N, C-alpha and C. Protein backbone atom coordinates (compact mmCIF):
# COMPACT_ATOMS: atom_id res chain seq x y z
N MET A 1 -65.22 -23.47 -25.51
CA MET A 1 -63.97 -23.68 -24.80
C MET A 1 -62.82 -23.28 -25.73
N ASN A 2 -61.82 -22.70 -25.16
CA ASN A 2 -60.65 -22.26 -25.91
C ASN A 2 -60.02 -23.45 -26.65
N ARG A 3 -59.68 -23.25 -27.91
CA ARG A 3 -59.11 -24.32 -28.73
C ARG A 3 -57.82 -24.87 -28.13
N TYR A 4 -56.99 -24.02 -27.55
CA TYR A 4 -55.74 -24.50 -26.96
C TYR A 4 -55.97 -25.38 -25.74
N VAL A 5 -57.00 -25.09 -24.99
CA VAL A 5 -57.36 -25.96 -23.86
C VAL A 5 -57.79 -27.33 -24.38
N VAL A 6 -58.61 -27.34 -25.42
CA VAL A 6 -59.05 -28.59 -26.02
C VAL A 6 -57.85 -29.36 -26.58
N LEU A 7 -56.97 -28.67 -27.29
CA LEU A 7 -55.79 -29.30 -27.86
C LEU A 7 -54.88 -29.86 -26.77
N TYR A 8 -54.69 -29.09 -25.70
CA TYR A 8 -53.86 -29.54 -24.58
C TYR A 8 -54.45 -30.79 -23.95
N LEU A 9 -55.73 -30.75 -23.62
CA LEU A 9 -56.37 -31.89 -22.97
C LEU A 9 -56.42 -33.11 -23.88
N ALA A 10 -56.69 -32.90 -25.16
CA ALA A 10 -56.73 -34.02 -26.11
C ALA A 10 -55.35 -34.68 -26.22
N THR A 11 -54.31 -33.88 -26.30
CA THR A 11 -52.96 -34.43 -26.38
C THR A 11 -52.60 -35.18 -25.11
N LEU A 12 -52.93 -34.61 -23.97
CA LEU A 12 -52.65 -35.26 -22.69
C LEU A 12 -53.41 -36.57 -22.55
N ILE A 13 -54.67 -36.57 -22.97
CA ILE A 13 -55.50 -37.78 -22.88
C ILE A 13 -55.01 -38.88 -23.81
N VAL A 14 -54.40 -38.52 -24.91
CA VAL A 14 -53.82 -39.52 -25.81
C VAL A 14 -52.49 -40.02 -25.23
N LEU A 15 -51.66 -39.10 -24.77
CA LEU A 15 -50.31 -39.44 -24.32
C LEU A 15 -50.30 -40.35 -23.08
N LEU A 16 -51.07 -39.99 -22.08
CA LEU A 16 -51.00 -40.70 -20.80
C LEU A 16 -51.27 -42.21 -20.89
N PRO A 17 -52.38 -42.64 -21.44
CA PRO A 17 -52.60 -44.09 -21.44
C PRO A 17 -51.61 -44.86 -22.29
N ILE A 18 -51.17 -44.28 -23.40
CA ILE A 18 -50.18 -44.96 -24.24
C ILE A 18 -48.86 -45.09 -23.49
N ASP A 19 -48.43 -44.02 -22.85
CA ASP A 19 -47.17 -44.05 -22.12
C ASP A 19 -47.26 -44.96 -20.90
N PHE A 20 -48.37 -44.92 -20.18
CA PHE A 20 -48.53 -45.79 -19.01
C PHE A 20 -48.54 -47.25 -19.42
N LEU A 21 -49.18 -47.56 -20.53
CA LEU A 21 -49.21 -48.94 -21.02
C LEU A 21 -47.79 -49.41 -21.34
N PHE A 22 -47.04 -48.59 -22.04
CA PHE A 22 -45.67 -48.94 -22.40
C PHE A 22 -44.79 -49.10 -21.16
N LEU A 23 -44.80 -48.07 -20.30
CA LEU A 23 -43.91 -48.09 -19.14
C LEU A 23 -44.33 -49.10 -18.09
N GLY A 24 -45.63 -49.27 -17.92
CA GLY A 24 -46.12 -50.15 -16.87
C GLY A 24 -46.17 -51.61 -17.24
N TYR A 25 -46.29 -51.91 -18.53
CA TYR A 25 -46.46 -53.31 -18.93
C TYR A 25 -45.47 -53.76 -19.99
N VAL A 26 -45.43 -53.08 -21.10
CA VAL A 26 -44.63 -53.52 -22.24
C VAL A 26 -43.14 -53.49 -21.91
N ALA A 27 -42.64 -52.38 -21.37
CA ALA A 27 -41.20 -52.21 -21.18
C ALA A 27 -40.74 -52.34 -19.73
N LYS A 28 -41.66 -52.62 -18.83
CA LYS A 28 -41.30 -52.68 -17.42
C LYS A 28 -40.19 -53.71 -17.16
N GLY A 29 -40.34 -54.90 -17.69
CA GLY A 29 -39.33 -55.93 -17.52
C GLY A 29 -38.00 -55.55 -18.14
N PHE A 30 -38.07 -54.91 -19.30
CA PHE A 30 -36.85 -54.47 -19.98
C PHE A 30 -36.07 -53.48 -19.12
N PHE A 31 -36.74 -52.44 -18.64
CA PHE A 31 -36.05 -51.43 -17.84
C PHE A 31 -35.57 -52.00 -16.51
N THR A 32 -36.36 -52.89 -15.92
CA THR A 32 -35.94 -53.54 -14.68
C THR A 32 -34.67 -54.35 -14.91
N ALA A 33 -34.62 -55.10 -16.00
CA ALA A 33 -33.43 -55.90 -16.31
C ALA A 33 -32.22 -55.03 -16.63
N GLN A 34 -32.43 -53.91 -17.28
CA GLN A 34 -31.32 -53.07 -17.71
C GLN A 34 -30.78 -52.17 -16.60
N VAL A 35 -31.66 -51.51 -15.88
CA VAL A 35 -31.24 -50.52 -14.87
C VAL A 35 -32.01 -50.68 -13.57
N GLY A 36 -32.42 -51.91 -13.27
CA GLY A 36 -33.30 -52.18 -12.14
C GLY A 36 -32.82 -51.66 -10.81
N ASP A 37 -31.52 -51.75 -10.54
CA ASP A 37 -31.02 -51.30 -9.25
C ASP A 37 -31.09 -49.78 -9.09
N MET A 38 -31.33 -49.08 -10.18
CA MET A 38 -31.45 -47.62 -10.13
C MET A 38 -32.90 -47.16 -10.00
N LEU A 39 -33.84 -48.08 -10.26
CA LEU A 39 -35.24 -47.71 -10.24
C LEU A 39 -35.77 -47.64 -8.81
N GLY A 40 -36.61 -46.68 -8.56
CA GLY A 40 -37.27 -46.54 -7.26
C GLY A 40 -38.76 -46.49 -7.46
N GLU A 41 -39.45 -46.16 -6.41
CA GLU A 41 -40.90 -45.97 -6.51
C GLU A 41 -41.18 -44.69 -7.31
N ILE A 42 -42.27 -44.71 -8.03
CA ILE A 42 -42.67 -43.53 -8.79
C ILE A 42 -43.10 -42.43 -7.82
N ARG A 43 -42.55 -41.26 -8.01
CA ARG A 43 -42.94 -40.10 -7.21
C ARG A 43 -43.94 -39.29 -8.03
N PRO A 44 -45.19 -39.24 -7.58
CA PRO A 44 -46.26 -38.63 -8.39
C PRO A 44 -46.02 -37.17 -8.78
N ALA A 45 -45.56 -36.34 -7.88
CA ALA A 45 -45.44 -34.90 -8.18
C ALA A 45 -44.51 -34.64 -9.37
N PRO A 46 -43.28 -35.19 -9.39
CA PRO A 46 -42.43 -34.95 -10.56
C PRO A 46 -42.99 -35.58 -11.84
N ALA A 47 -43.64 -36.73 -11.72
CA ALA A 47 -44.23 -37.38 -12.90
C ALA A 47 -45.34 -36.51 -13.48
N ILE A 48 -46.21 -36.01 -12.63
CA ILE A 48 -47.30 -35.14 -13.08
C ILE A 48 -46.73 -33.87 -13.72
N LEU A 49 -45.74 -33.28 -13.07
CA LEU A 49 -45.12 -32.06 -13.60
C LEU A 49 -44.50 -32.32 -14.97
N PHE A 50 -43.83 -33.48 -15.12
CA PHE A 50 -43.25 -33.82 -16.43
C PHE A 50 -44.33 -33.83 -17.51
N TYR A 51 -45.41 -34.57 -17.29
CA TYR A 51 -46.45 -34.69 -18.31
C TYR A 51 -47.09 -33.34 -18.62
N LEU A 52 -47.34 -32.52 -17.61
CA LEU A 52 -47.95 -31.21 -17.85
C LEU A 52 -47.01 -30.33 -18.68
N LEU A 53 -45.73 -30.34 -18.35
CA LEU A 53 -44.76 -29.53 -19.10
C LEU A 53 -44.51 -30.08 -20.49
N TYR A 54 -44.42 -31.41 -20.61
CA TYR A 54 -44.14 -32.02 -21.90
C TYR A 54 -45.26 -31.73 -22.91
N VAL A 55 -46.50 -31.81 -22.46
CA VAL A 55 -47.62 -31.51 -23.35
C VAL A 55 -47.63 -30.02 -23.71
N ALA A 56 -47.28 -29.16 -22.78
CA ALA A 56 -47.15 -27.73 -23.11
C ALA A 56 -46.09 -27.54 -24.20
N GLY A 57 -44.97 -28.26 -24.09
CA GLY A 57 -43.93 -28.19 -25.11
C GLY A 57 -44.43 -28.68 -26.46
N ILE A 58 -45.21 -29.73 -26.46
CA ILE A 58 -45.78 -30.24 -27.71
C ILE A 58 -46.64 -29.16 -28.37
N LEU A 59 -47.47 -28.48 -27.57
CA LEU A 59 -48.32 -27.45 -28.15
C LEU A 59 -47.50 -26.27 -28.66
N ILE A 60 -46.48 -25.86 -27.91
CA ILE A 60 -45.69 -24.70 -28.31
C ILE A 60 -44.88 -24.99 -29.58
N PHE A 61 -44.27 -26.16 -29.64
CA PHE A 61 -43.33 -26.45 -30.72
C PHE A 61 -43.88 -27.32 -31.85
N VAL A 62 -45.04 -27.96 -31.64
CA VAL A 62 -45.51 -28.93 -32.62
C VAL A 62 -46.92 -28.63 -33.13
N SER A 63 -47.91 -28.77 -32.28
CA SER A 63 -49.29 -28.78 -32.76
C SER A 63 -50.08 -27.49 -32.52
N GLY A 64 -49.52 -26.56 -31.78
CA GLY A 64 -50.23 -25.32 -31.46
C GLY A 64 -50.35 -24.29 -32.57
N PRO A 65 -49.36 -24.19 -33.45
CA PRO A 65 -49.47 -23.17 -34.50
C PRO A 65 -50.71 -23.36 -35.38
N ALA A 66 -51.25 -22.27 -35.86
CA ALA A 66 -52.46 -22.31 -36.70
C ALA A 66 -52.24 -23.11 -37.98
N THR A 67 -51.01 -23.20 -38.43
CA THR A 67 -50.69 -23.92 -39.67
C THR A 67 -50.49 -25.42 -39.46
N ALA A 68 -50.56 -25.88 -38.23
CA ALA A 68 -50.30 -27.30 -37.94
C ALA A 68 -51.36 -28.19 -38.58
N THR A 69 -50.90 -29.29 -39.15
CA THR A 69 -51.78 -30.34 -39.68
C THR A 69 -51.40 -31.63 -38.97
N TRP A 70 -52.20 -32.66 -39.16
CA TRP A 70 -51.83 -33.91 -38.50
C TRP A 70 -50.51 -34.45 -39.06
N GLN A 71 -50.24 -34.17 -40.35
CA GLN A 71 -49.00 -34.63 -40.96
C GLN A 71 -47.79 -33.89 -40.39
N THR A 72 -47.89 -32.57 -40.27
CA THR A 72 -46.77 -31.82 -39.70
C THR A 72 -46.60 -32.15 -38.22
N SER A 73 -47.71 -32.38 -37.54
CA SER A 73 -47.63 -32.74 -36.12
C SER A 73 -46.98 -34.10 -35.94
N LEU A 74 -47.25 -35.01 -36.84
CA LEU A 74 -46.61 -36.33 -36.78
C LEU A 74 -45.10 -36.17 -36.96
N LEU A 75 -44.69 -35.40 -37.97
CA LEU A 75 -43.27 -35.20 -38.24
C LEU A 75 -42.58 -34.43 -37.11
N TYR A 76 -43.12 -33.26 -36.76
CA TYR A 76 -42.46 -32.43 -35.76
C TYR A 76 -42.62 -33.02 -34.36
N GLY A 77 -43.68 -33.78 -34.14
CA GLY A 77 -43.80 -34.51 -32.88
C GLY A 77 -42.71 -35.55 -32.74
N ALA A 78 -42.43 -36.26 -33.83
CA ALA A 78 -41.34 -37.24 -33.82
C ALA A 78 -40.01 -36.55 -33.53
N LEU A 79 -39.77 -35.43 -34.16
CA LEU A 79 -38.52 -34.70 -33.92
C LEU A 79 -38.44 -34.15 -32.51
N PHE A 80 -39.54 -33.59 -32.00
CA PHE A 80 -39.57 -33.09 -30.62
C PHE A 80 -39.28 -34.23 -29.65
N GLY A 81 -39.91 -35.39 -29.88
CA GLY A 81 -39.66 -36.56 -29.04
C GLY A 81 -38.21 -37.00 -29.12
N LEU A 82 -37.65 -36.99 -30.33
CA LEU A 82 -36.24 -37.36 -30.51
C LEU A 82 -35.34 -36.46 -29.69
N PHE A 83 -35.50 -35.15 -29.82
CA PHE A 83 -34.63 -34.21 -29.12
C PHE A 83 -34.80 -34.29 -27.61
N CYS A 84 -36.04 -34.37 -27.14
CA CYS A 84 -36.28 -34.41 -25.69
C CYS A 84 -35.78 -35.71 -25.07
N TYR A 85 -36.16 -36.82 -25.65
CA TYR A 85 -35.75 -38.11 -25.08
C TYR A 85 -34.25 -38.33 -25.24
N ALA A 86 -33.68 -37.92 -26.36
CA ALA A 86 -32.23 -38.07 -26.54
C ALA A 86 -31.46 -37.21 -25.54
N THR A 87 -31.98 -36.06 -25.21
CA THR A 87 -31.31 -35.21 -24.22
C THR A 87 -31.20 -35.95 -22.89
N PHE A 88 -32.30 -36.51 -22.43
CA PHE A 88 -32.27 -37.27 -21.17
C PHE A 88 -31.39 -38.51 -21.29
N GLU A 89 -31.62 -39.28 -22.33
CA GLU A 89 -30.93 -40.57 -22.46
C GLU A 89 -29.42 -40.41 -22.64
N LEU A 90 -28.98 -39.48 -23.46
CA LEU A 90 -27.55 -39.31 -23.67
C LEU A 90 -26.87 -38.69 -22.45
N THR A 91 -27.58 -37.83 -21.75
CA THR A 91 -27.05 -37.32 -20.48
C THR A 91 -26.91 -38.45 -19.48
N SER A 92 -27.92 -39.29 -19.38
CA SER A 92 -27.86 -40.45 -18.47
C SER A 92 -26.72 -41.38 -18.86
N LEU A 93 -26.58 -41.63 -20.15
CA LEU A 93 -25.51 -42.52 -20.62
C LEU A 93 -24.13 -41.95 -20.28
N SER A 94 -24.00 -40.64 -20.33
CA SER A 94 -22.71 -40.03 -20.04
C SER A 94 -22.39 -39.98 -18.55
N LEU A 95 -23.42 -40.05 -17.69
CA LEU A 95 -23.21 -39.88 -16.25
C LEU A 95 -23.43 -41.12 -15.40
N LEU A 96 -24.29 -42.03 -15.84
CA LEU A 96 -24.71 -43.15 -15.00
C LEU A 96 -24.05 -44.44 -15.46
N LYS A 97 -23.40 -45.14 -14.55
CA LYS A 97 -22.62 -46.30 -14.94
C LYS A 97 -23.46 -47.48 -15.41
N HIS A 98 -24.72 -47.56 -15.03
CA HIS A 98 -25.54 -48.69 -15.45
C HIS A 98 -26.38 -48.40 -16.70
N TRP A 99 -26.25 -47.20 -17.25
CA TRP A 99 -27.03 -46.86 -18.45
C TRP A 99 -26.34 -47.48 -19.66
N THR A 100 -27.11 -47.97 -20.61
CA THR A 100 -26.53 -48.65 -21.77
C THR A 100 -27.06 -48.05 -23.07
N TRP A 101 -26.35 -48.33 -24.15
CA TRP A 101 -26.82 -47.91 -25.46
C TRP A 101 -28.16 -48.56 -25.79
N THR A 102 -28.38 -49.77 -25.32
CA THR A 102 -29.64 -50.46 -25.58
C THR A 102 -30.81 -49.69 -24.97
N VAL A 103 -30.63 -49.23 -23.74
CA VAL A 103 -31.67 -48.42 -23.08
C VAL A 103 -31.89 -47.13 -23.86
N VAL A 104 -30.82 -46.51 -24.30
CA VAL A 104 -30.93 -45.26 -25.05
C VAL A 104 -31.75 -45.48 -26.33
N VAL A 105 -31.42 -46.49 -27.09
CA VAL A 105 -32.10 -46.75 -28.36
C VAL A 105 -33.58 -47.05 -28.13
N VAL A 106 -33.88 -47.90 -27.16
CA VAL A 106 -35.28 -48.26 -26.89
C VAL A 106 -36.07 -47.05 -26.43
N ASP A 107 -35.54 -46.29 -25.48
CA ASP A 107 -36.31 -45.18 -24.92
C ASP A 107 -36.43 -44.02 -25.89
N VAL A 108 -35.38 -43.73 -26.64
CA VAL A 108 -35.48 -42.65 -27.64
C VAL A 108 -36.47 -43.04 -28.74
N SER A 109 -36.43 -44.29 -29.16
CA SER A 109 -37.39 -44.76 -30.16
C SER A 109 -38.81 -44.62 -29.64
N TRP A 110 -39.01 -44.97 -28.37
CA TRP A 110 -40.32 -44.81 -27.77
C TRP A 110 -40.73 -43.35 -27.73
N GLY A 111 -39.81 -42.47 -27.35
CA GLY A 111 -40.12 -41.04 -27.29
C GLY A 111 -40.52 -40.48 -28.64
N VAL A 112 -39.84 -40.91 -29.68
CA VAL A 112 -40.19 -40.48 -31.04
C VAL A 112 -41.61 -40.93 -31.37
N PHE A 113 -41.90 -42.20 -31.11
CA PHE A 113 -43.21 -42.76 -31.44
C PHE A 113 -44.34 -42.11 -30.63
N VAL A 114 -44.20 -42.11 -29.31
CA VAL A 114 -45.31 -41.64 -28.47
C VAL A 114 -45.57 -40.15 -28.66
N THR A 115 -44.53 -39.38 -28.91
CA THR A 115 -44.73 -37.94 -29.10
C THR A 115 -45.36 -37.66 -30.46
N ALA A 116 -44.92 -38.38 -31.49
CA ALA A 116 -45.51 -38.21 -32.82
C ALA A 116 -47.00 -38.57 -32.80
N VAL A 117 -47.32 -39.71 -32.24
CA VAL A 117 -48.71 -40.18 -32.20
C VAL A 117 -49.57 -39.25 -31.35
N SER A 118 -49.08 -38.88 -30.19
CA SER A 118 -49.85 -37.99 -29.31
C SER A 118 -50.08 -36.62 -29.94
N SER A 119 -49.07 -36.11 -30.61
CA SER A 119 -49.20 -34.81 -31.28
C SER A 119 -50.24 -34.86 -32.39
N ALA A 120 -50.13 -35.86 -33.23
CA ALA A 120 -51.04 -35.96 -34.38
C ALA A 120 -52.48 -36.27 -33.94
N LEU A 121 -52.64 -37.26 -33.06
CA LEU A 121 -54.00 -37.60 -32.60
C LEU A 121 -54.62 -36.49 -31.77
N GLY A 122 -53.81 -35.85 -30.92
CA GLY A 122 -54.32 -34.72 -30.14
C GLY A 122 -54.84 -33.61 -31.04
N LEU A 123 -54.09 -33.32 -32.10
CA LEU A 123 -54.52 -32.29 -33.05
C LEU A 123 -55.79 -32.72 -33.79
N MET A 124 -55.84 -33.97 -34.20
CA MET A 124 -57.04 -34.45 -34.91
C MET A 124 -58.28 -34.37 -34.02
N ILE A 125 -58.14 -34.73 -32.77
CA ILE A 125 -59.27 -34.65 -31.83
C ILE A 125 -59.68 -33.19 -31.62
N ALA A 126 -58.69 -32.31 -31.45
CA ALA A 126 -58.98 -30.89 -31.27
C ALA A 126 -59.65 -30.30 -32.50
N ASP A 127 -59.19 -30.71 -33.70
CA ASP A 127 -59.82 -30.21 -34.94
C ASP A 127 -61.27 -30.66 -35.02
N TRP A 128 -61.56 -31.82 -34.50
CA TRP A 128 -62.93 -32.36 -34.51
C TRP A 128 -63.80 -31.66 -33.47
N LEU A 129 -63.27 -31.47 -32.26
CA LEU A 129 -64.06 -30.88 -31.17
C LEU A 129 -64.11 -29.36 -31.21
N ALA A 130 -63.02 -28.73 -31.64
CA ALA A 130 -62.93 -27.27 -31.66
C ALA A 130 -62.21 -26.83 -32.93
N PRO A 131 -62.90 -26.91 -34.07
CA PRO A 131 -62.26 -26.60 -35.36
C PRO A 131 -61.64 -25.21 -35.39
N LYS A 132 -60.59 -25.08 -36.19
CA LYS A 132 -59.96 -23.77 -36.39
C LYS A 132 -60.94 -22.87 -37.10
N ILE A 133 -60.90 -21.62 -36.73
CA ILE A 133 -61.82 -20.64 -37.35
C ILE A 133 -61.08 -19.84 -38.39
């Protein structure tokens, strides 16, 4: 199997359960309390599209290069998460009246963490299942 397919699937398989656990259980009450009146039902198509595109971005900018190591993936994954999540959060803060700095800090911190961990673990799993040649 193509190494990039393995890397993509490994990263996706790491990212999804961690993010679902955080969003569905750990932070659900927090987000409901902070911006609850803005929350709606989850729409599967945009959610699926986000995860598919986000993991592609991780591979392109973080873990896909031949020189990537788990250490560089951890660092650049954290930075990728920072830039992506901060883009959404700061845009929301500038446009939405119920968005707060507290939400920004929590969600950007989460984005840094989950992207760093997913990038590094996805690469480690890919290196184990489909080593670089």
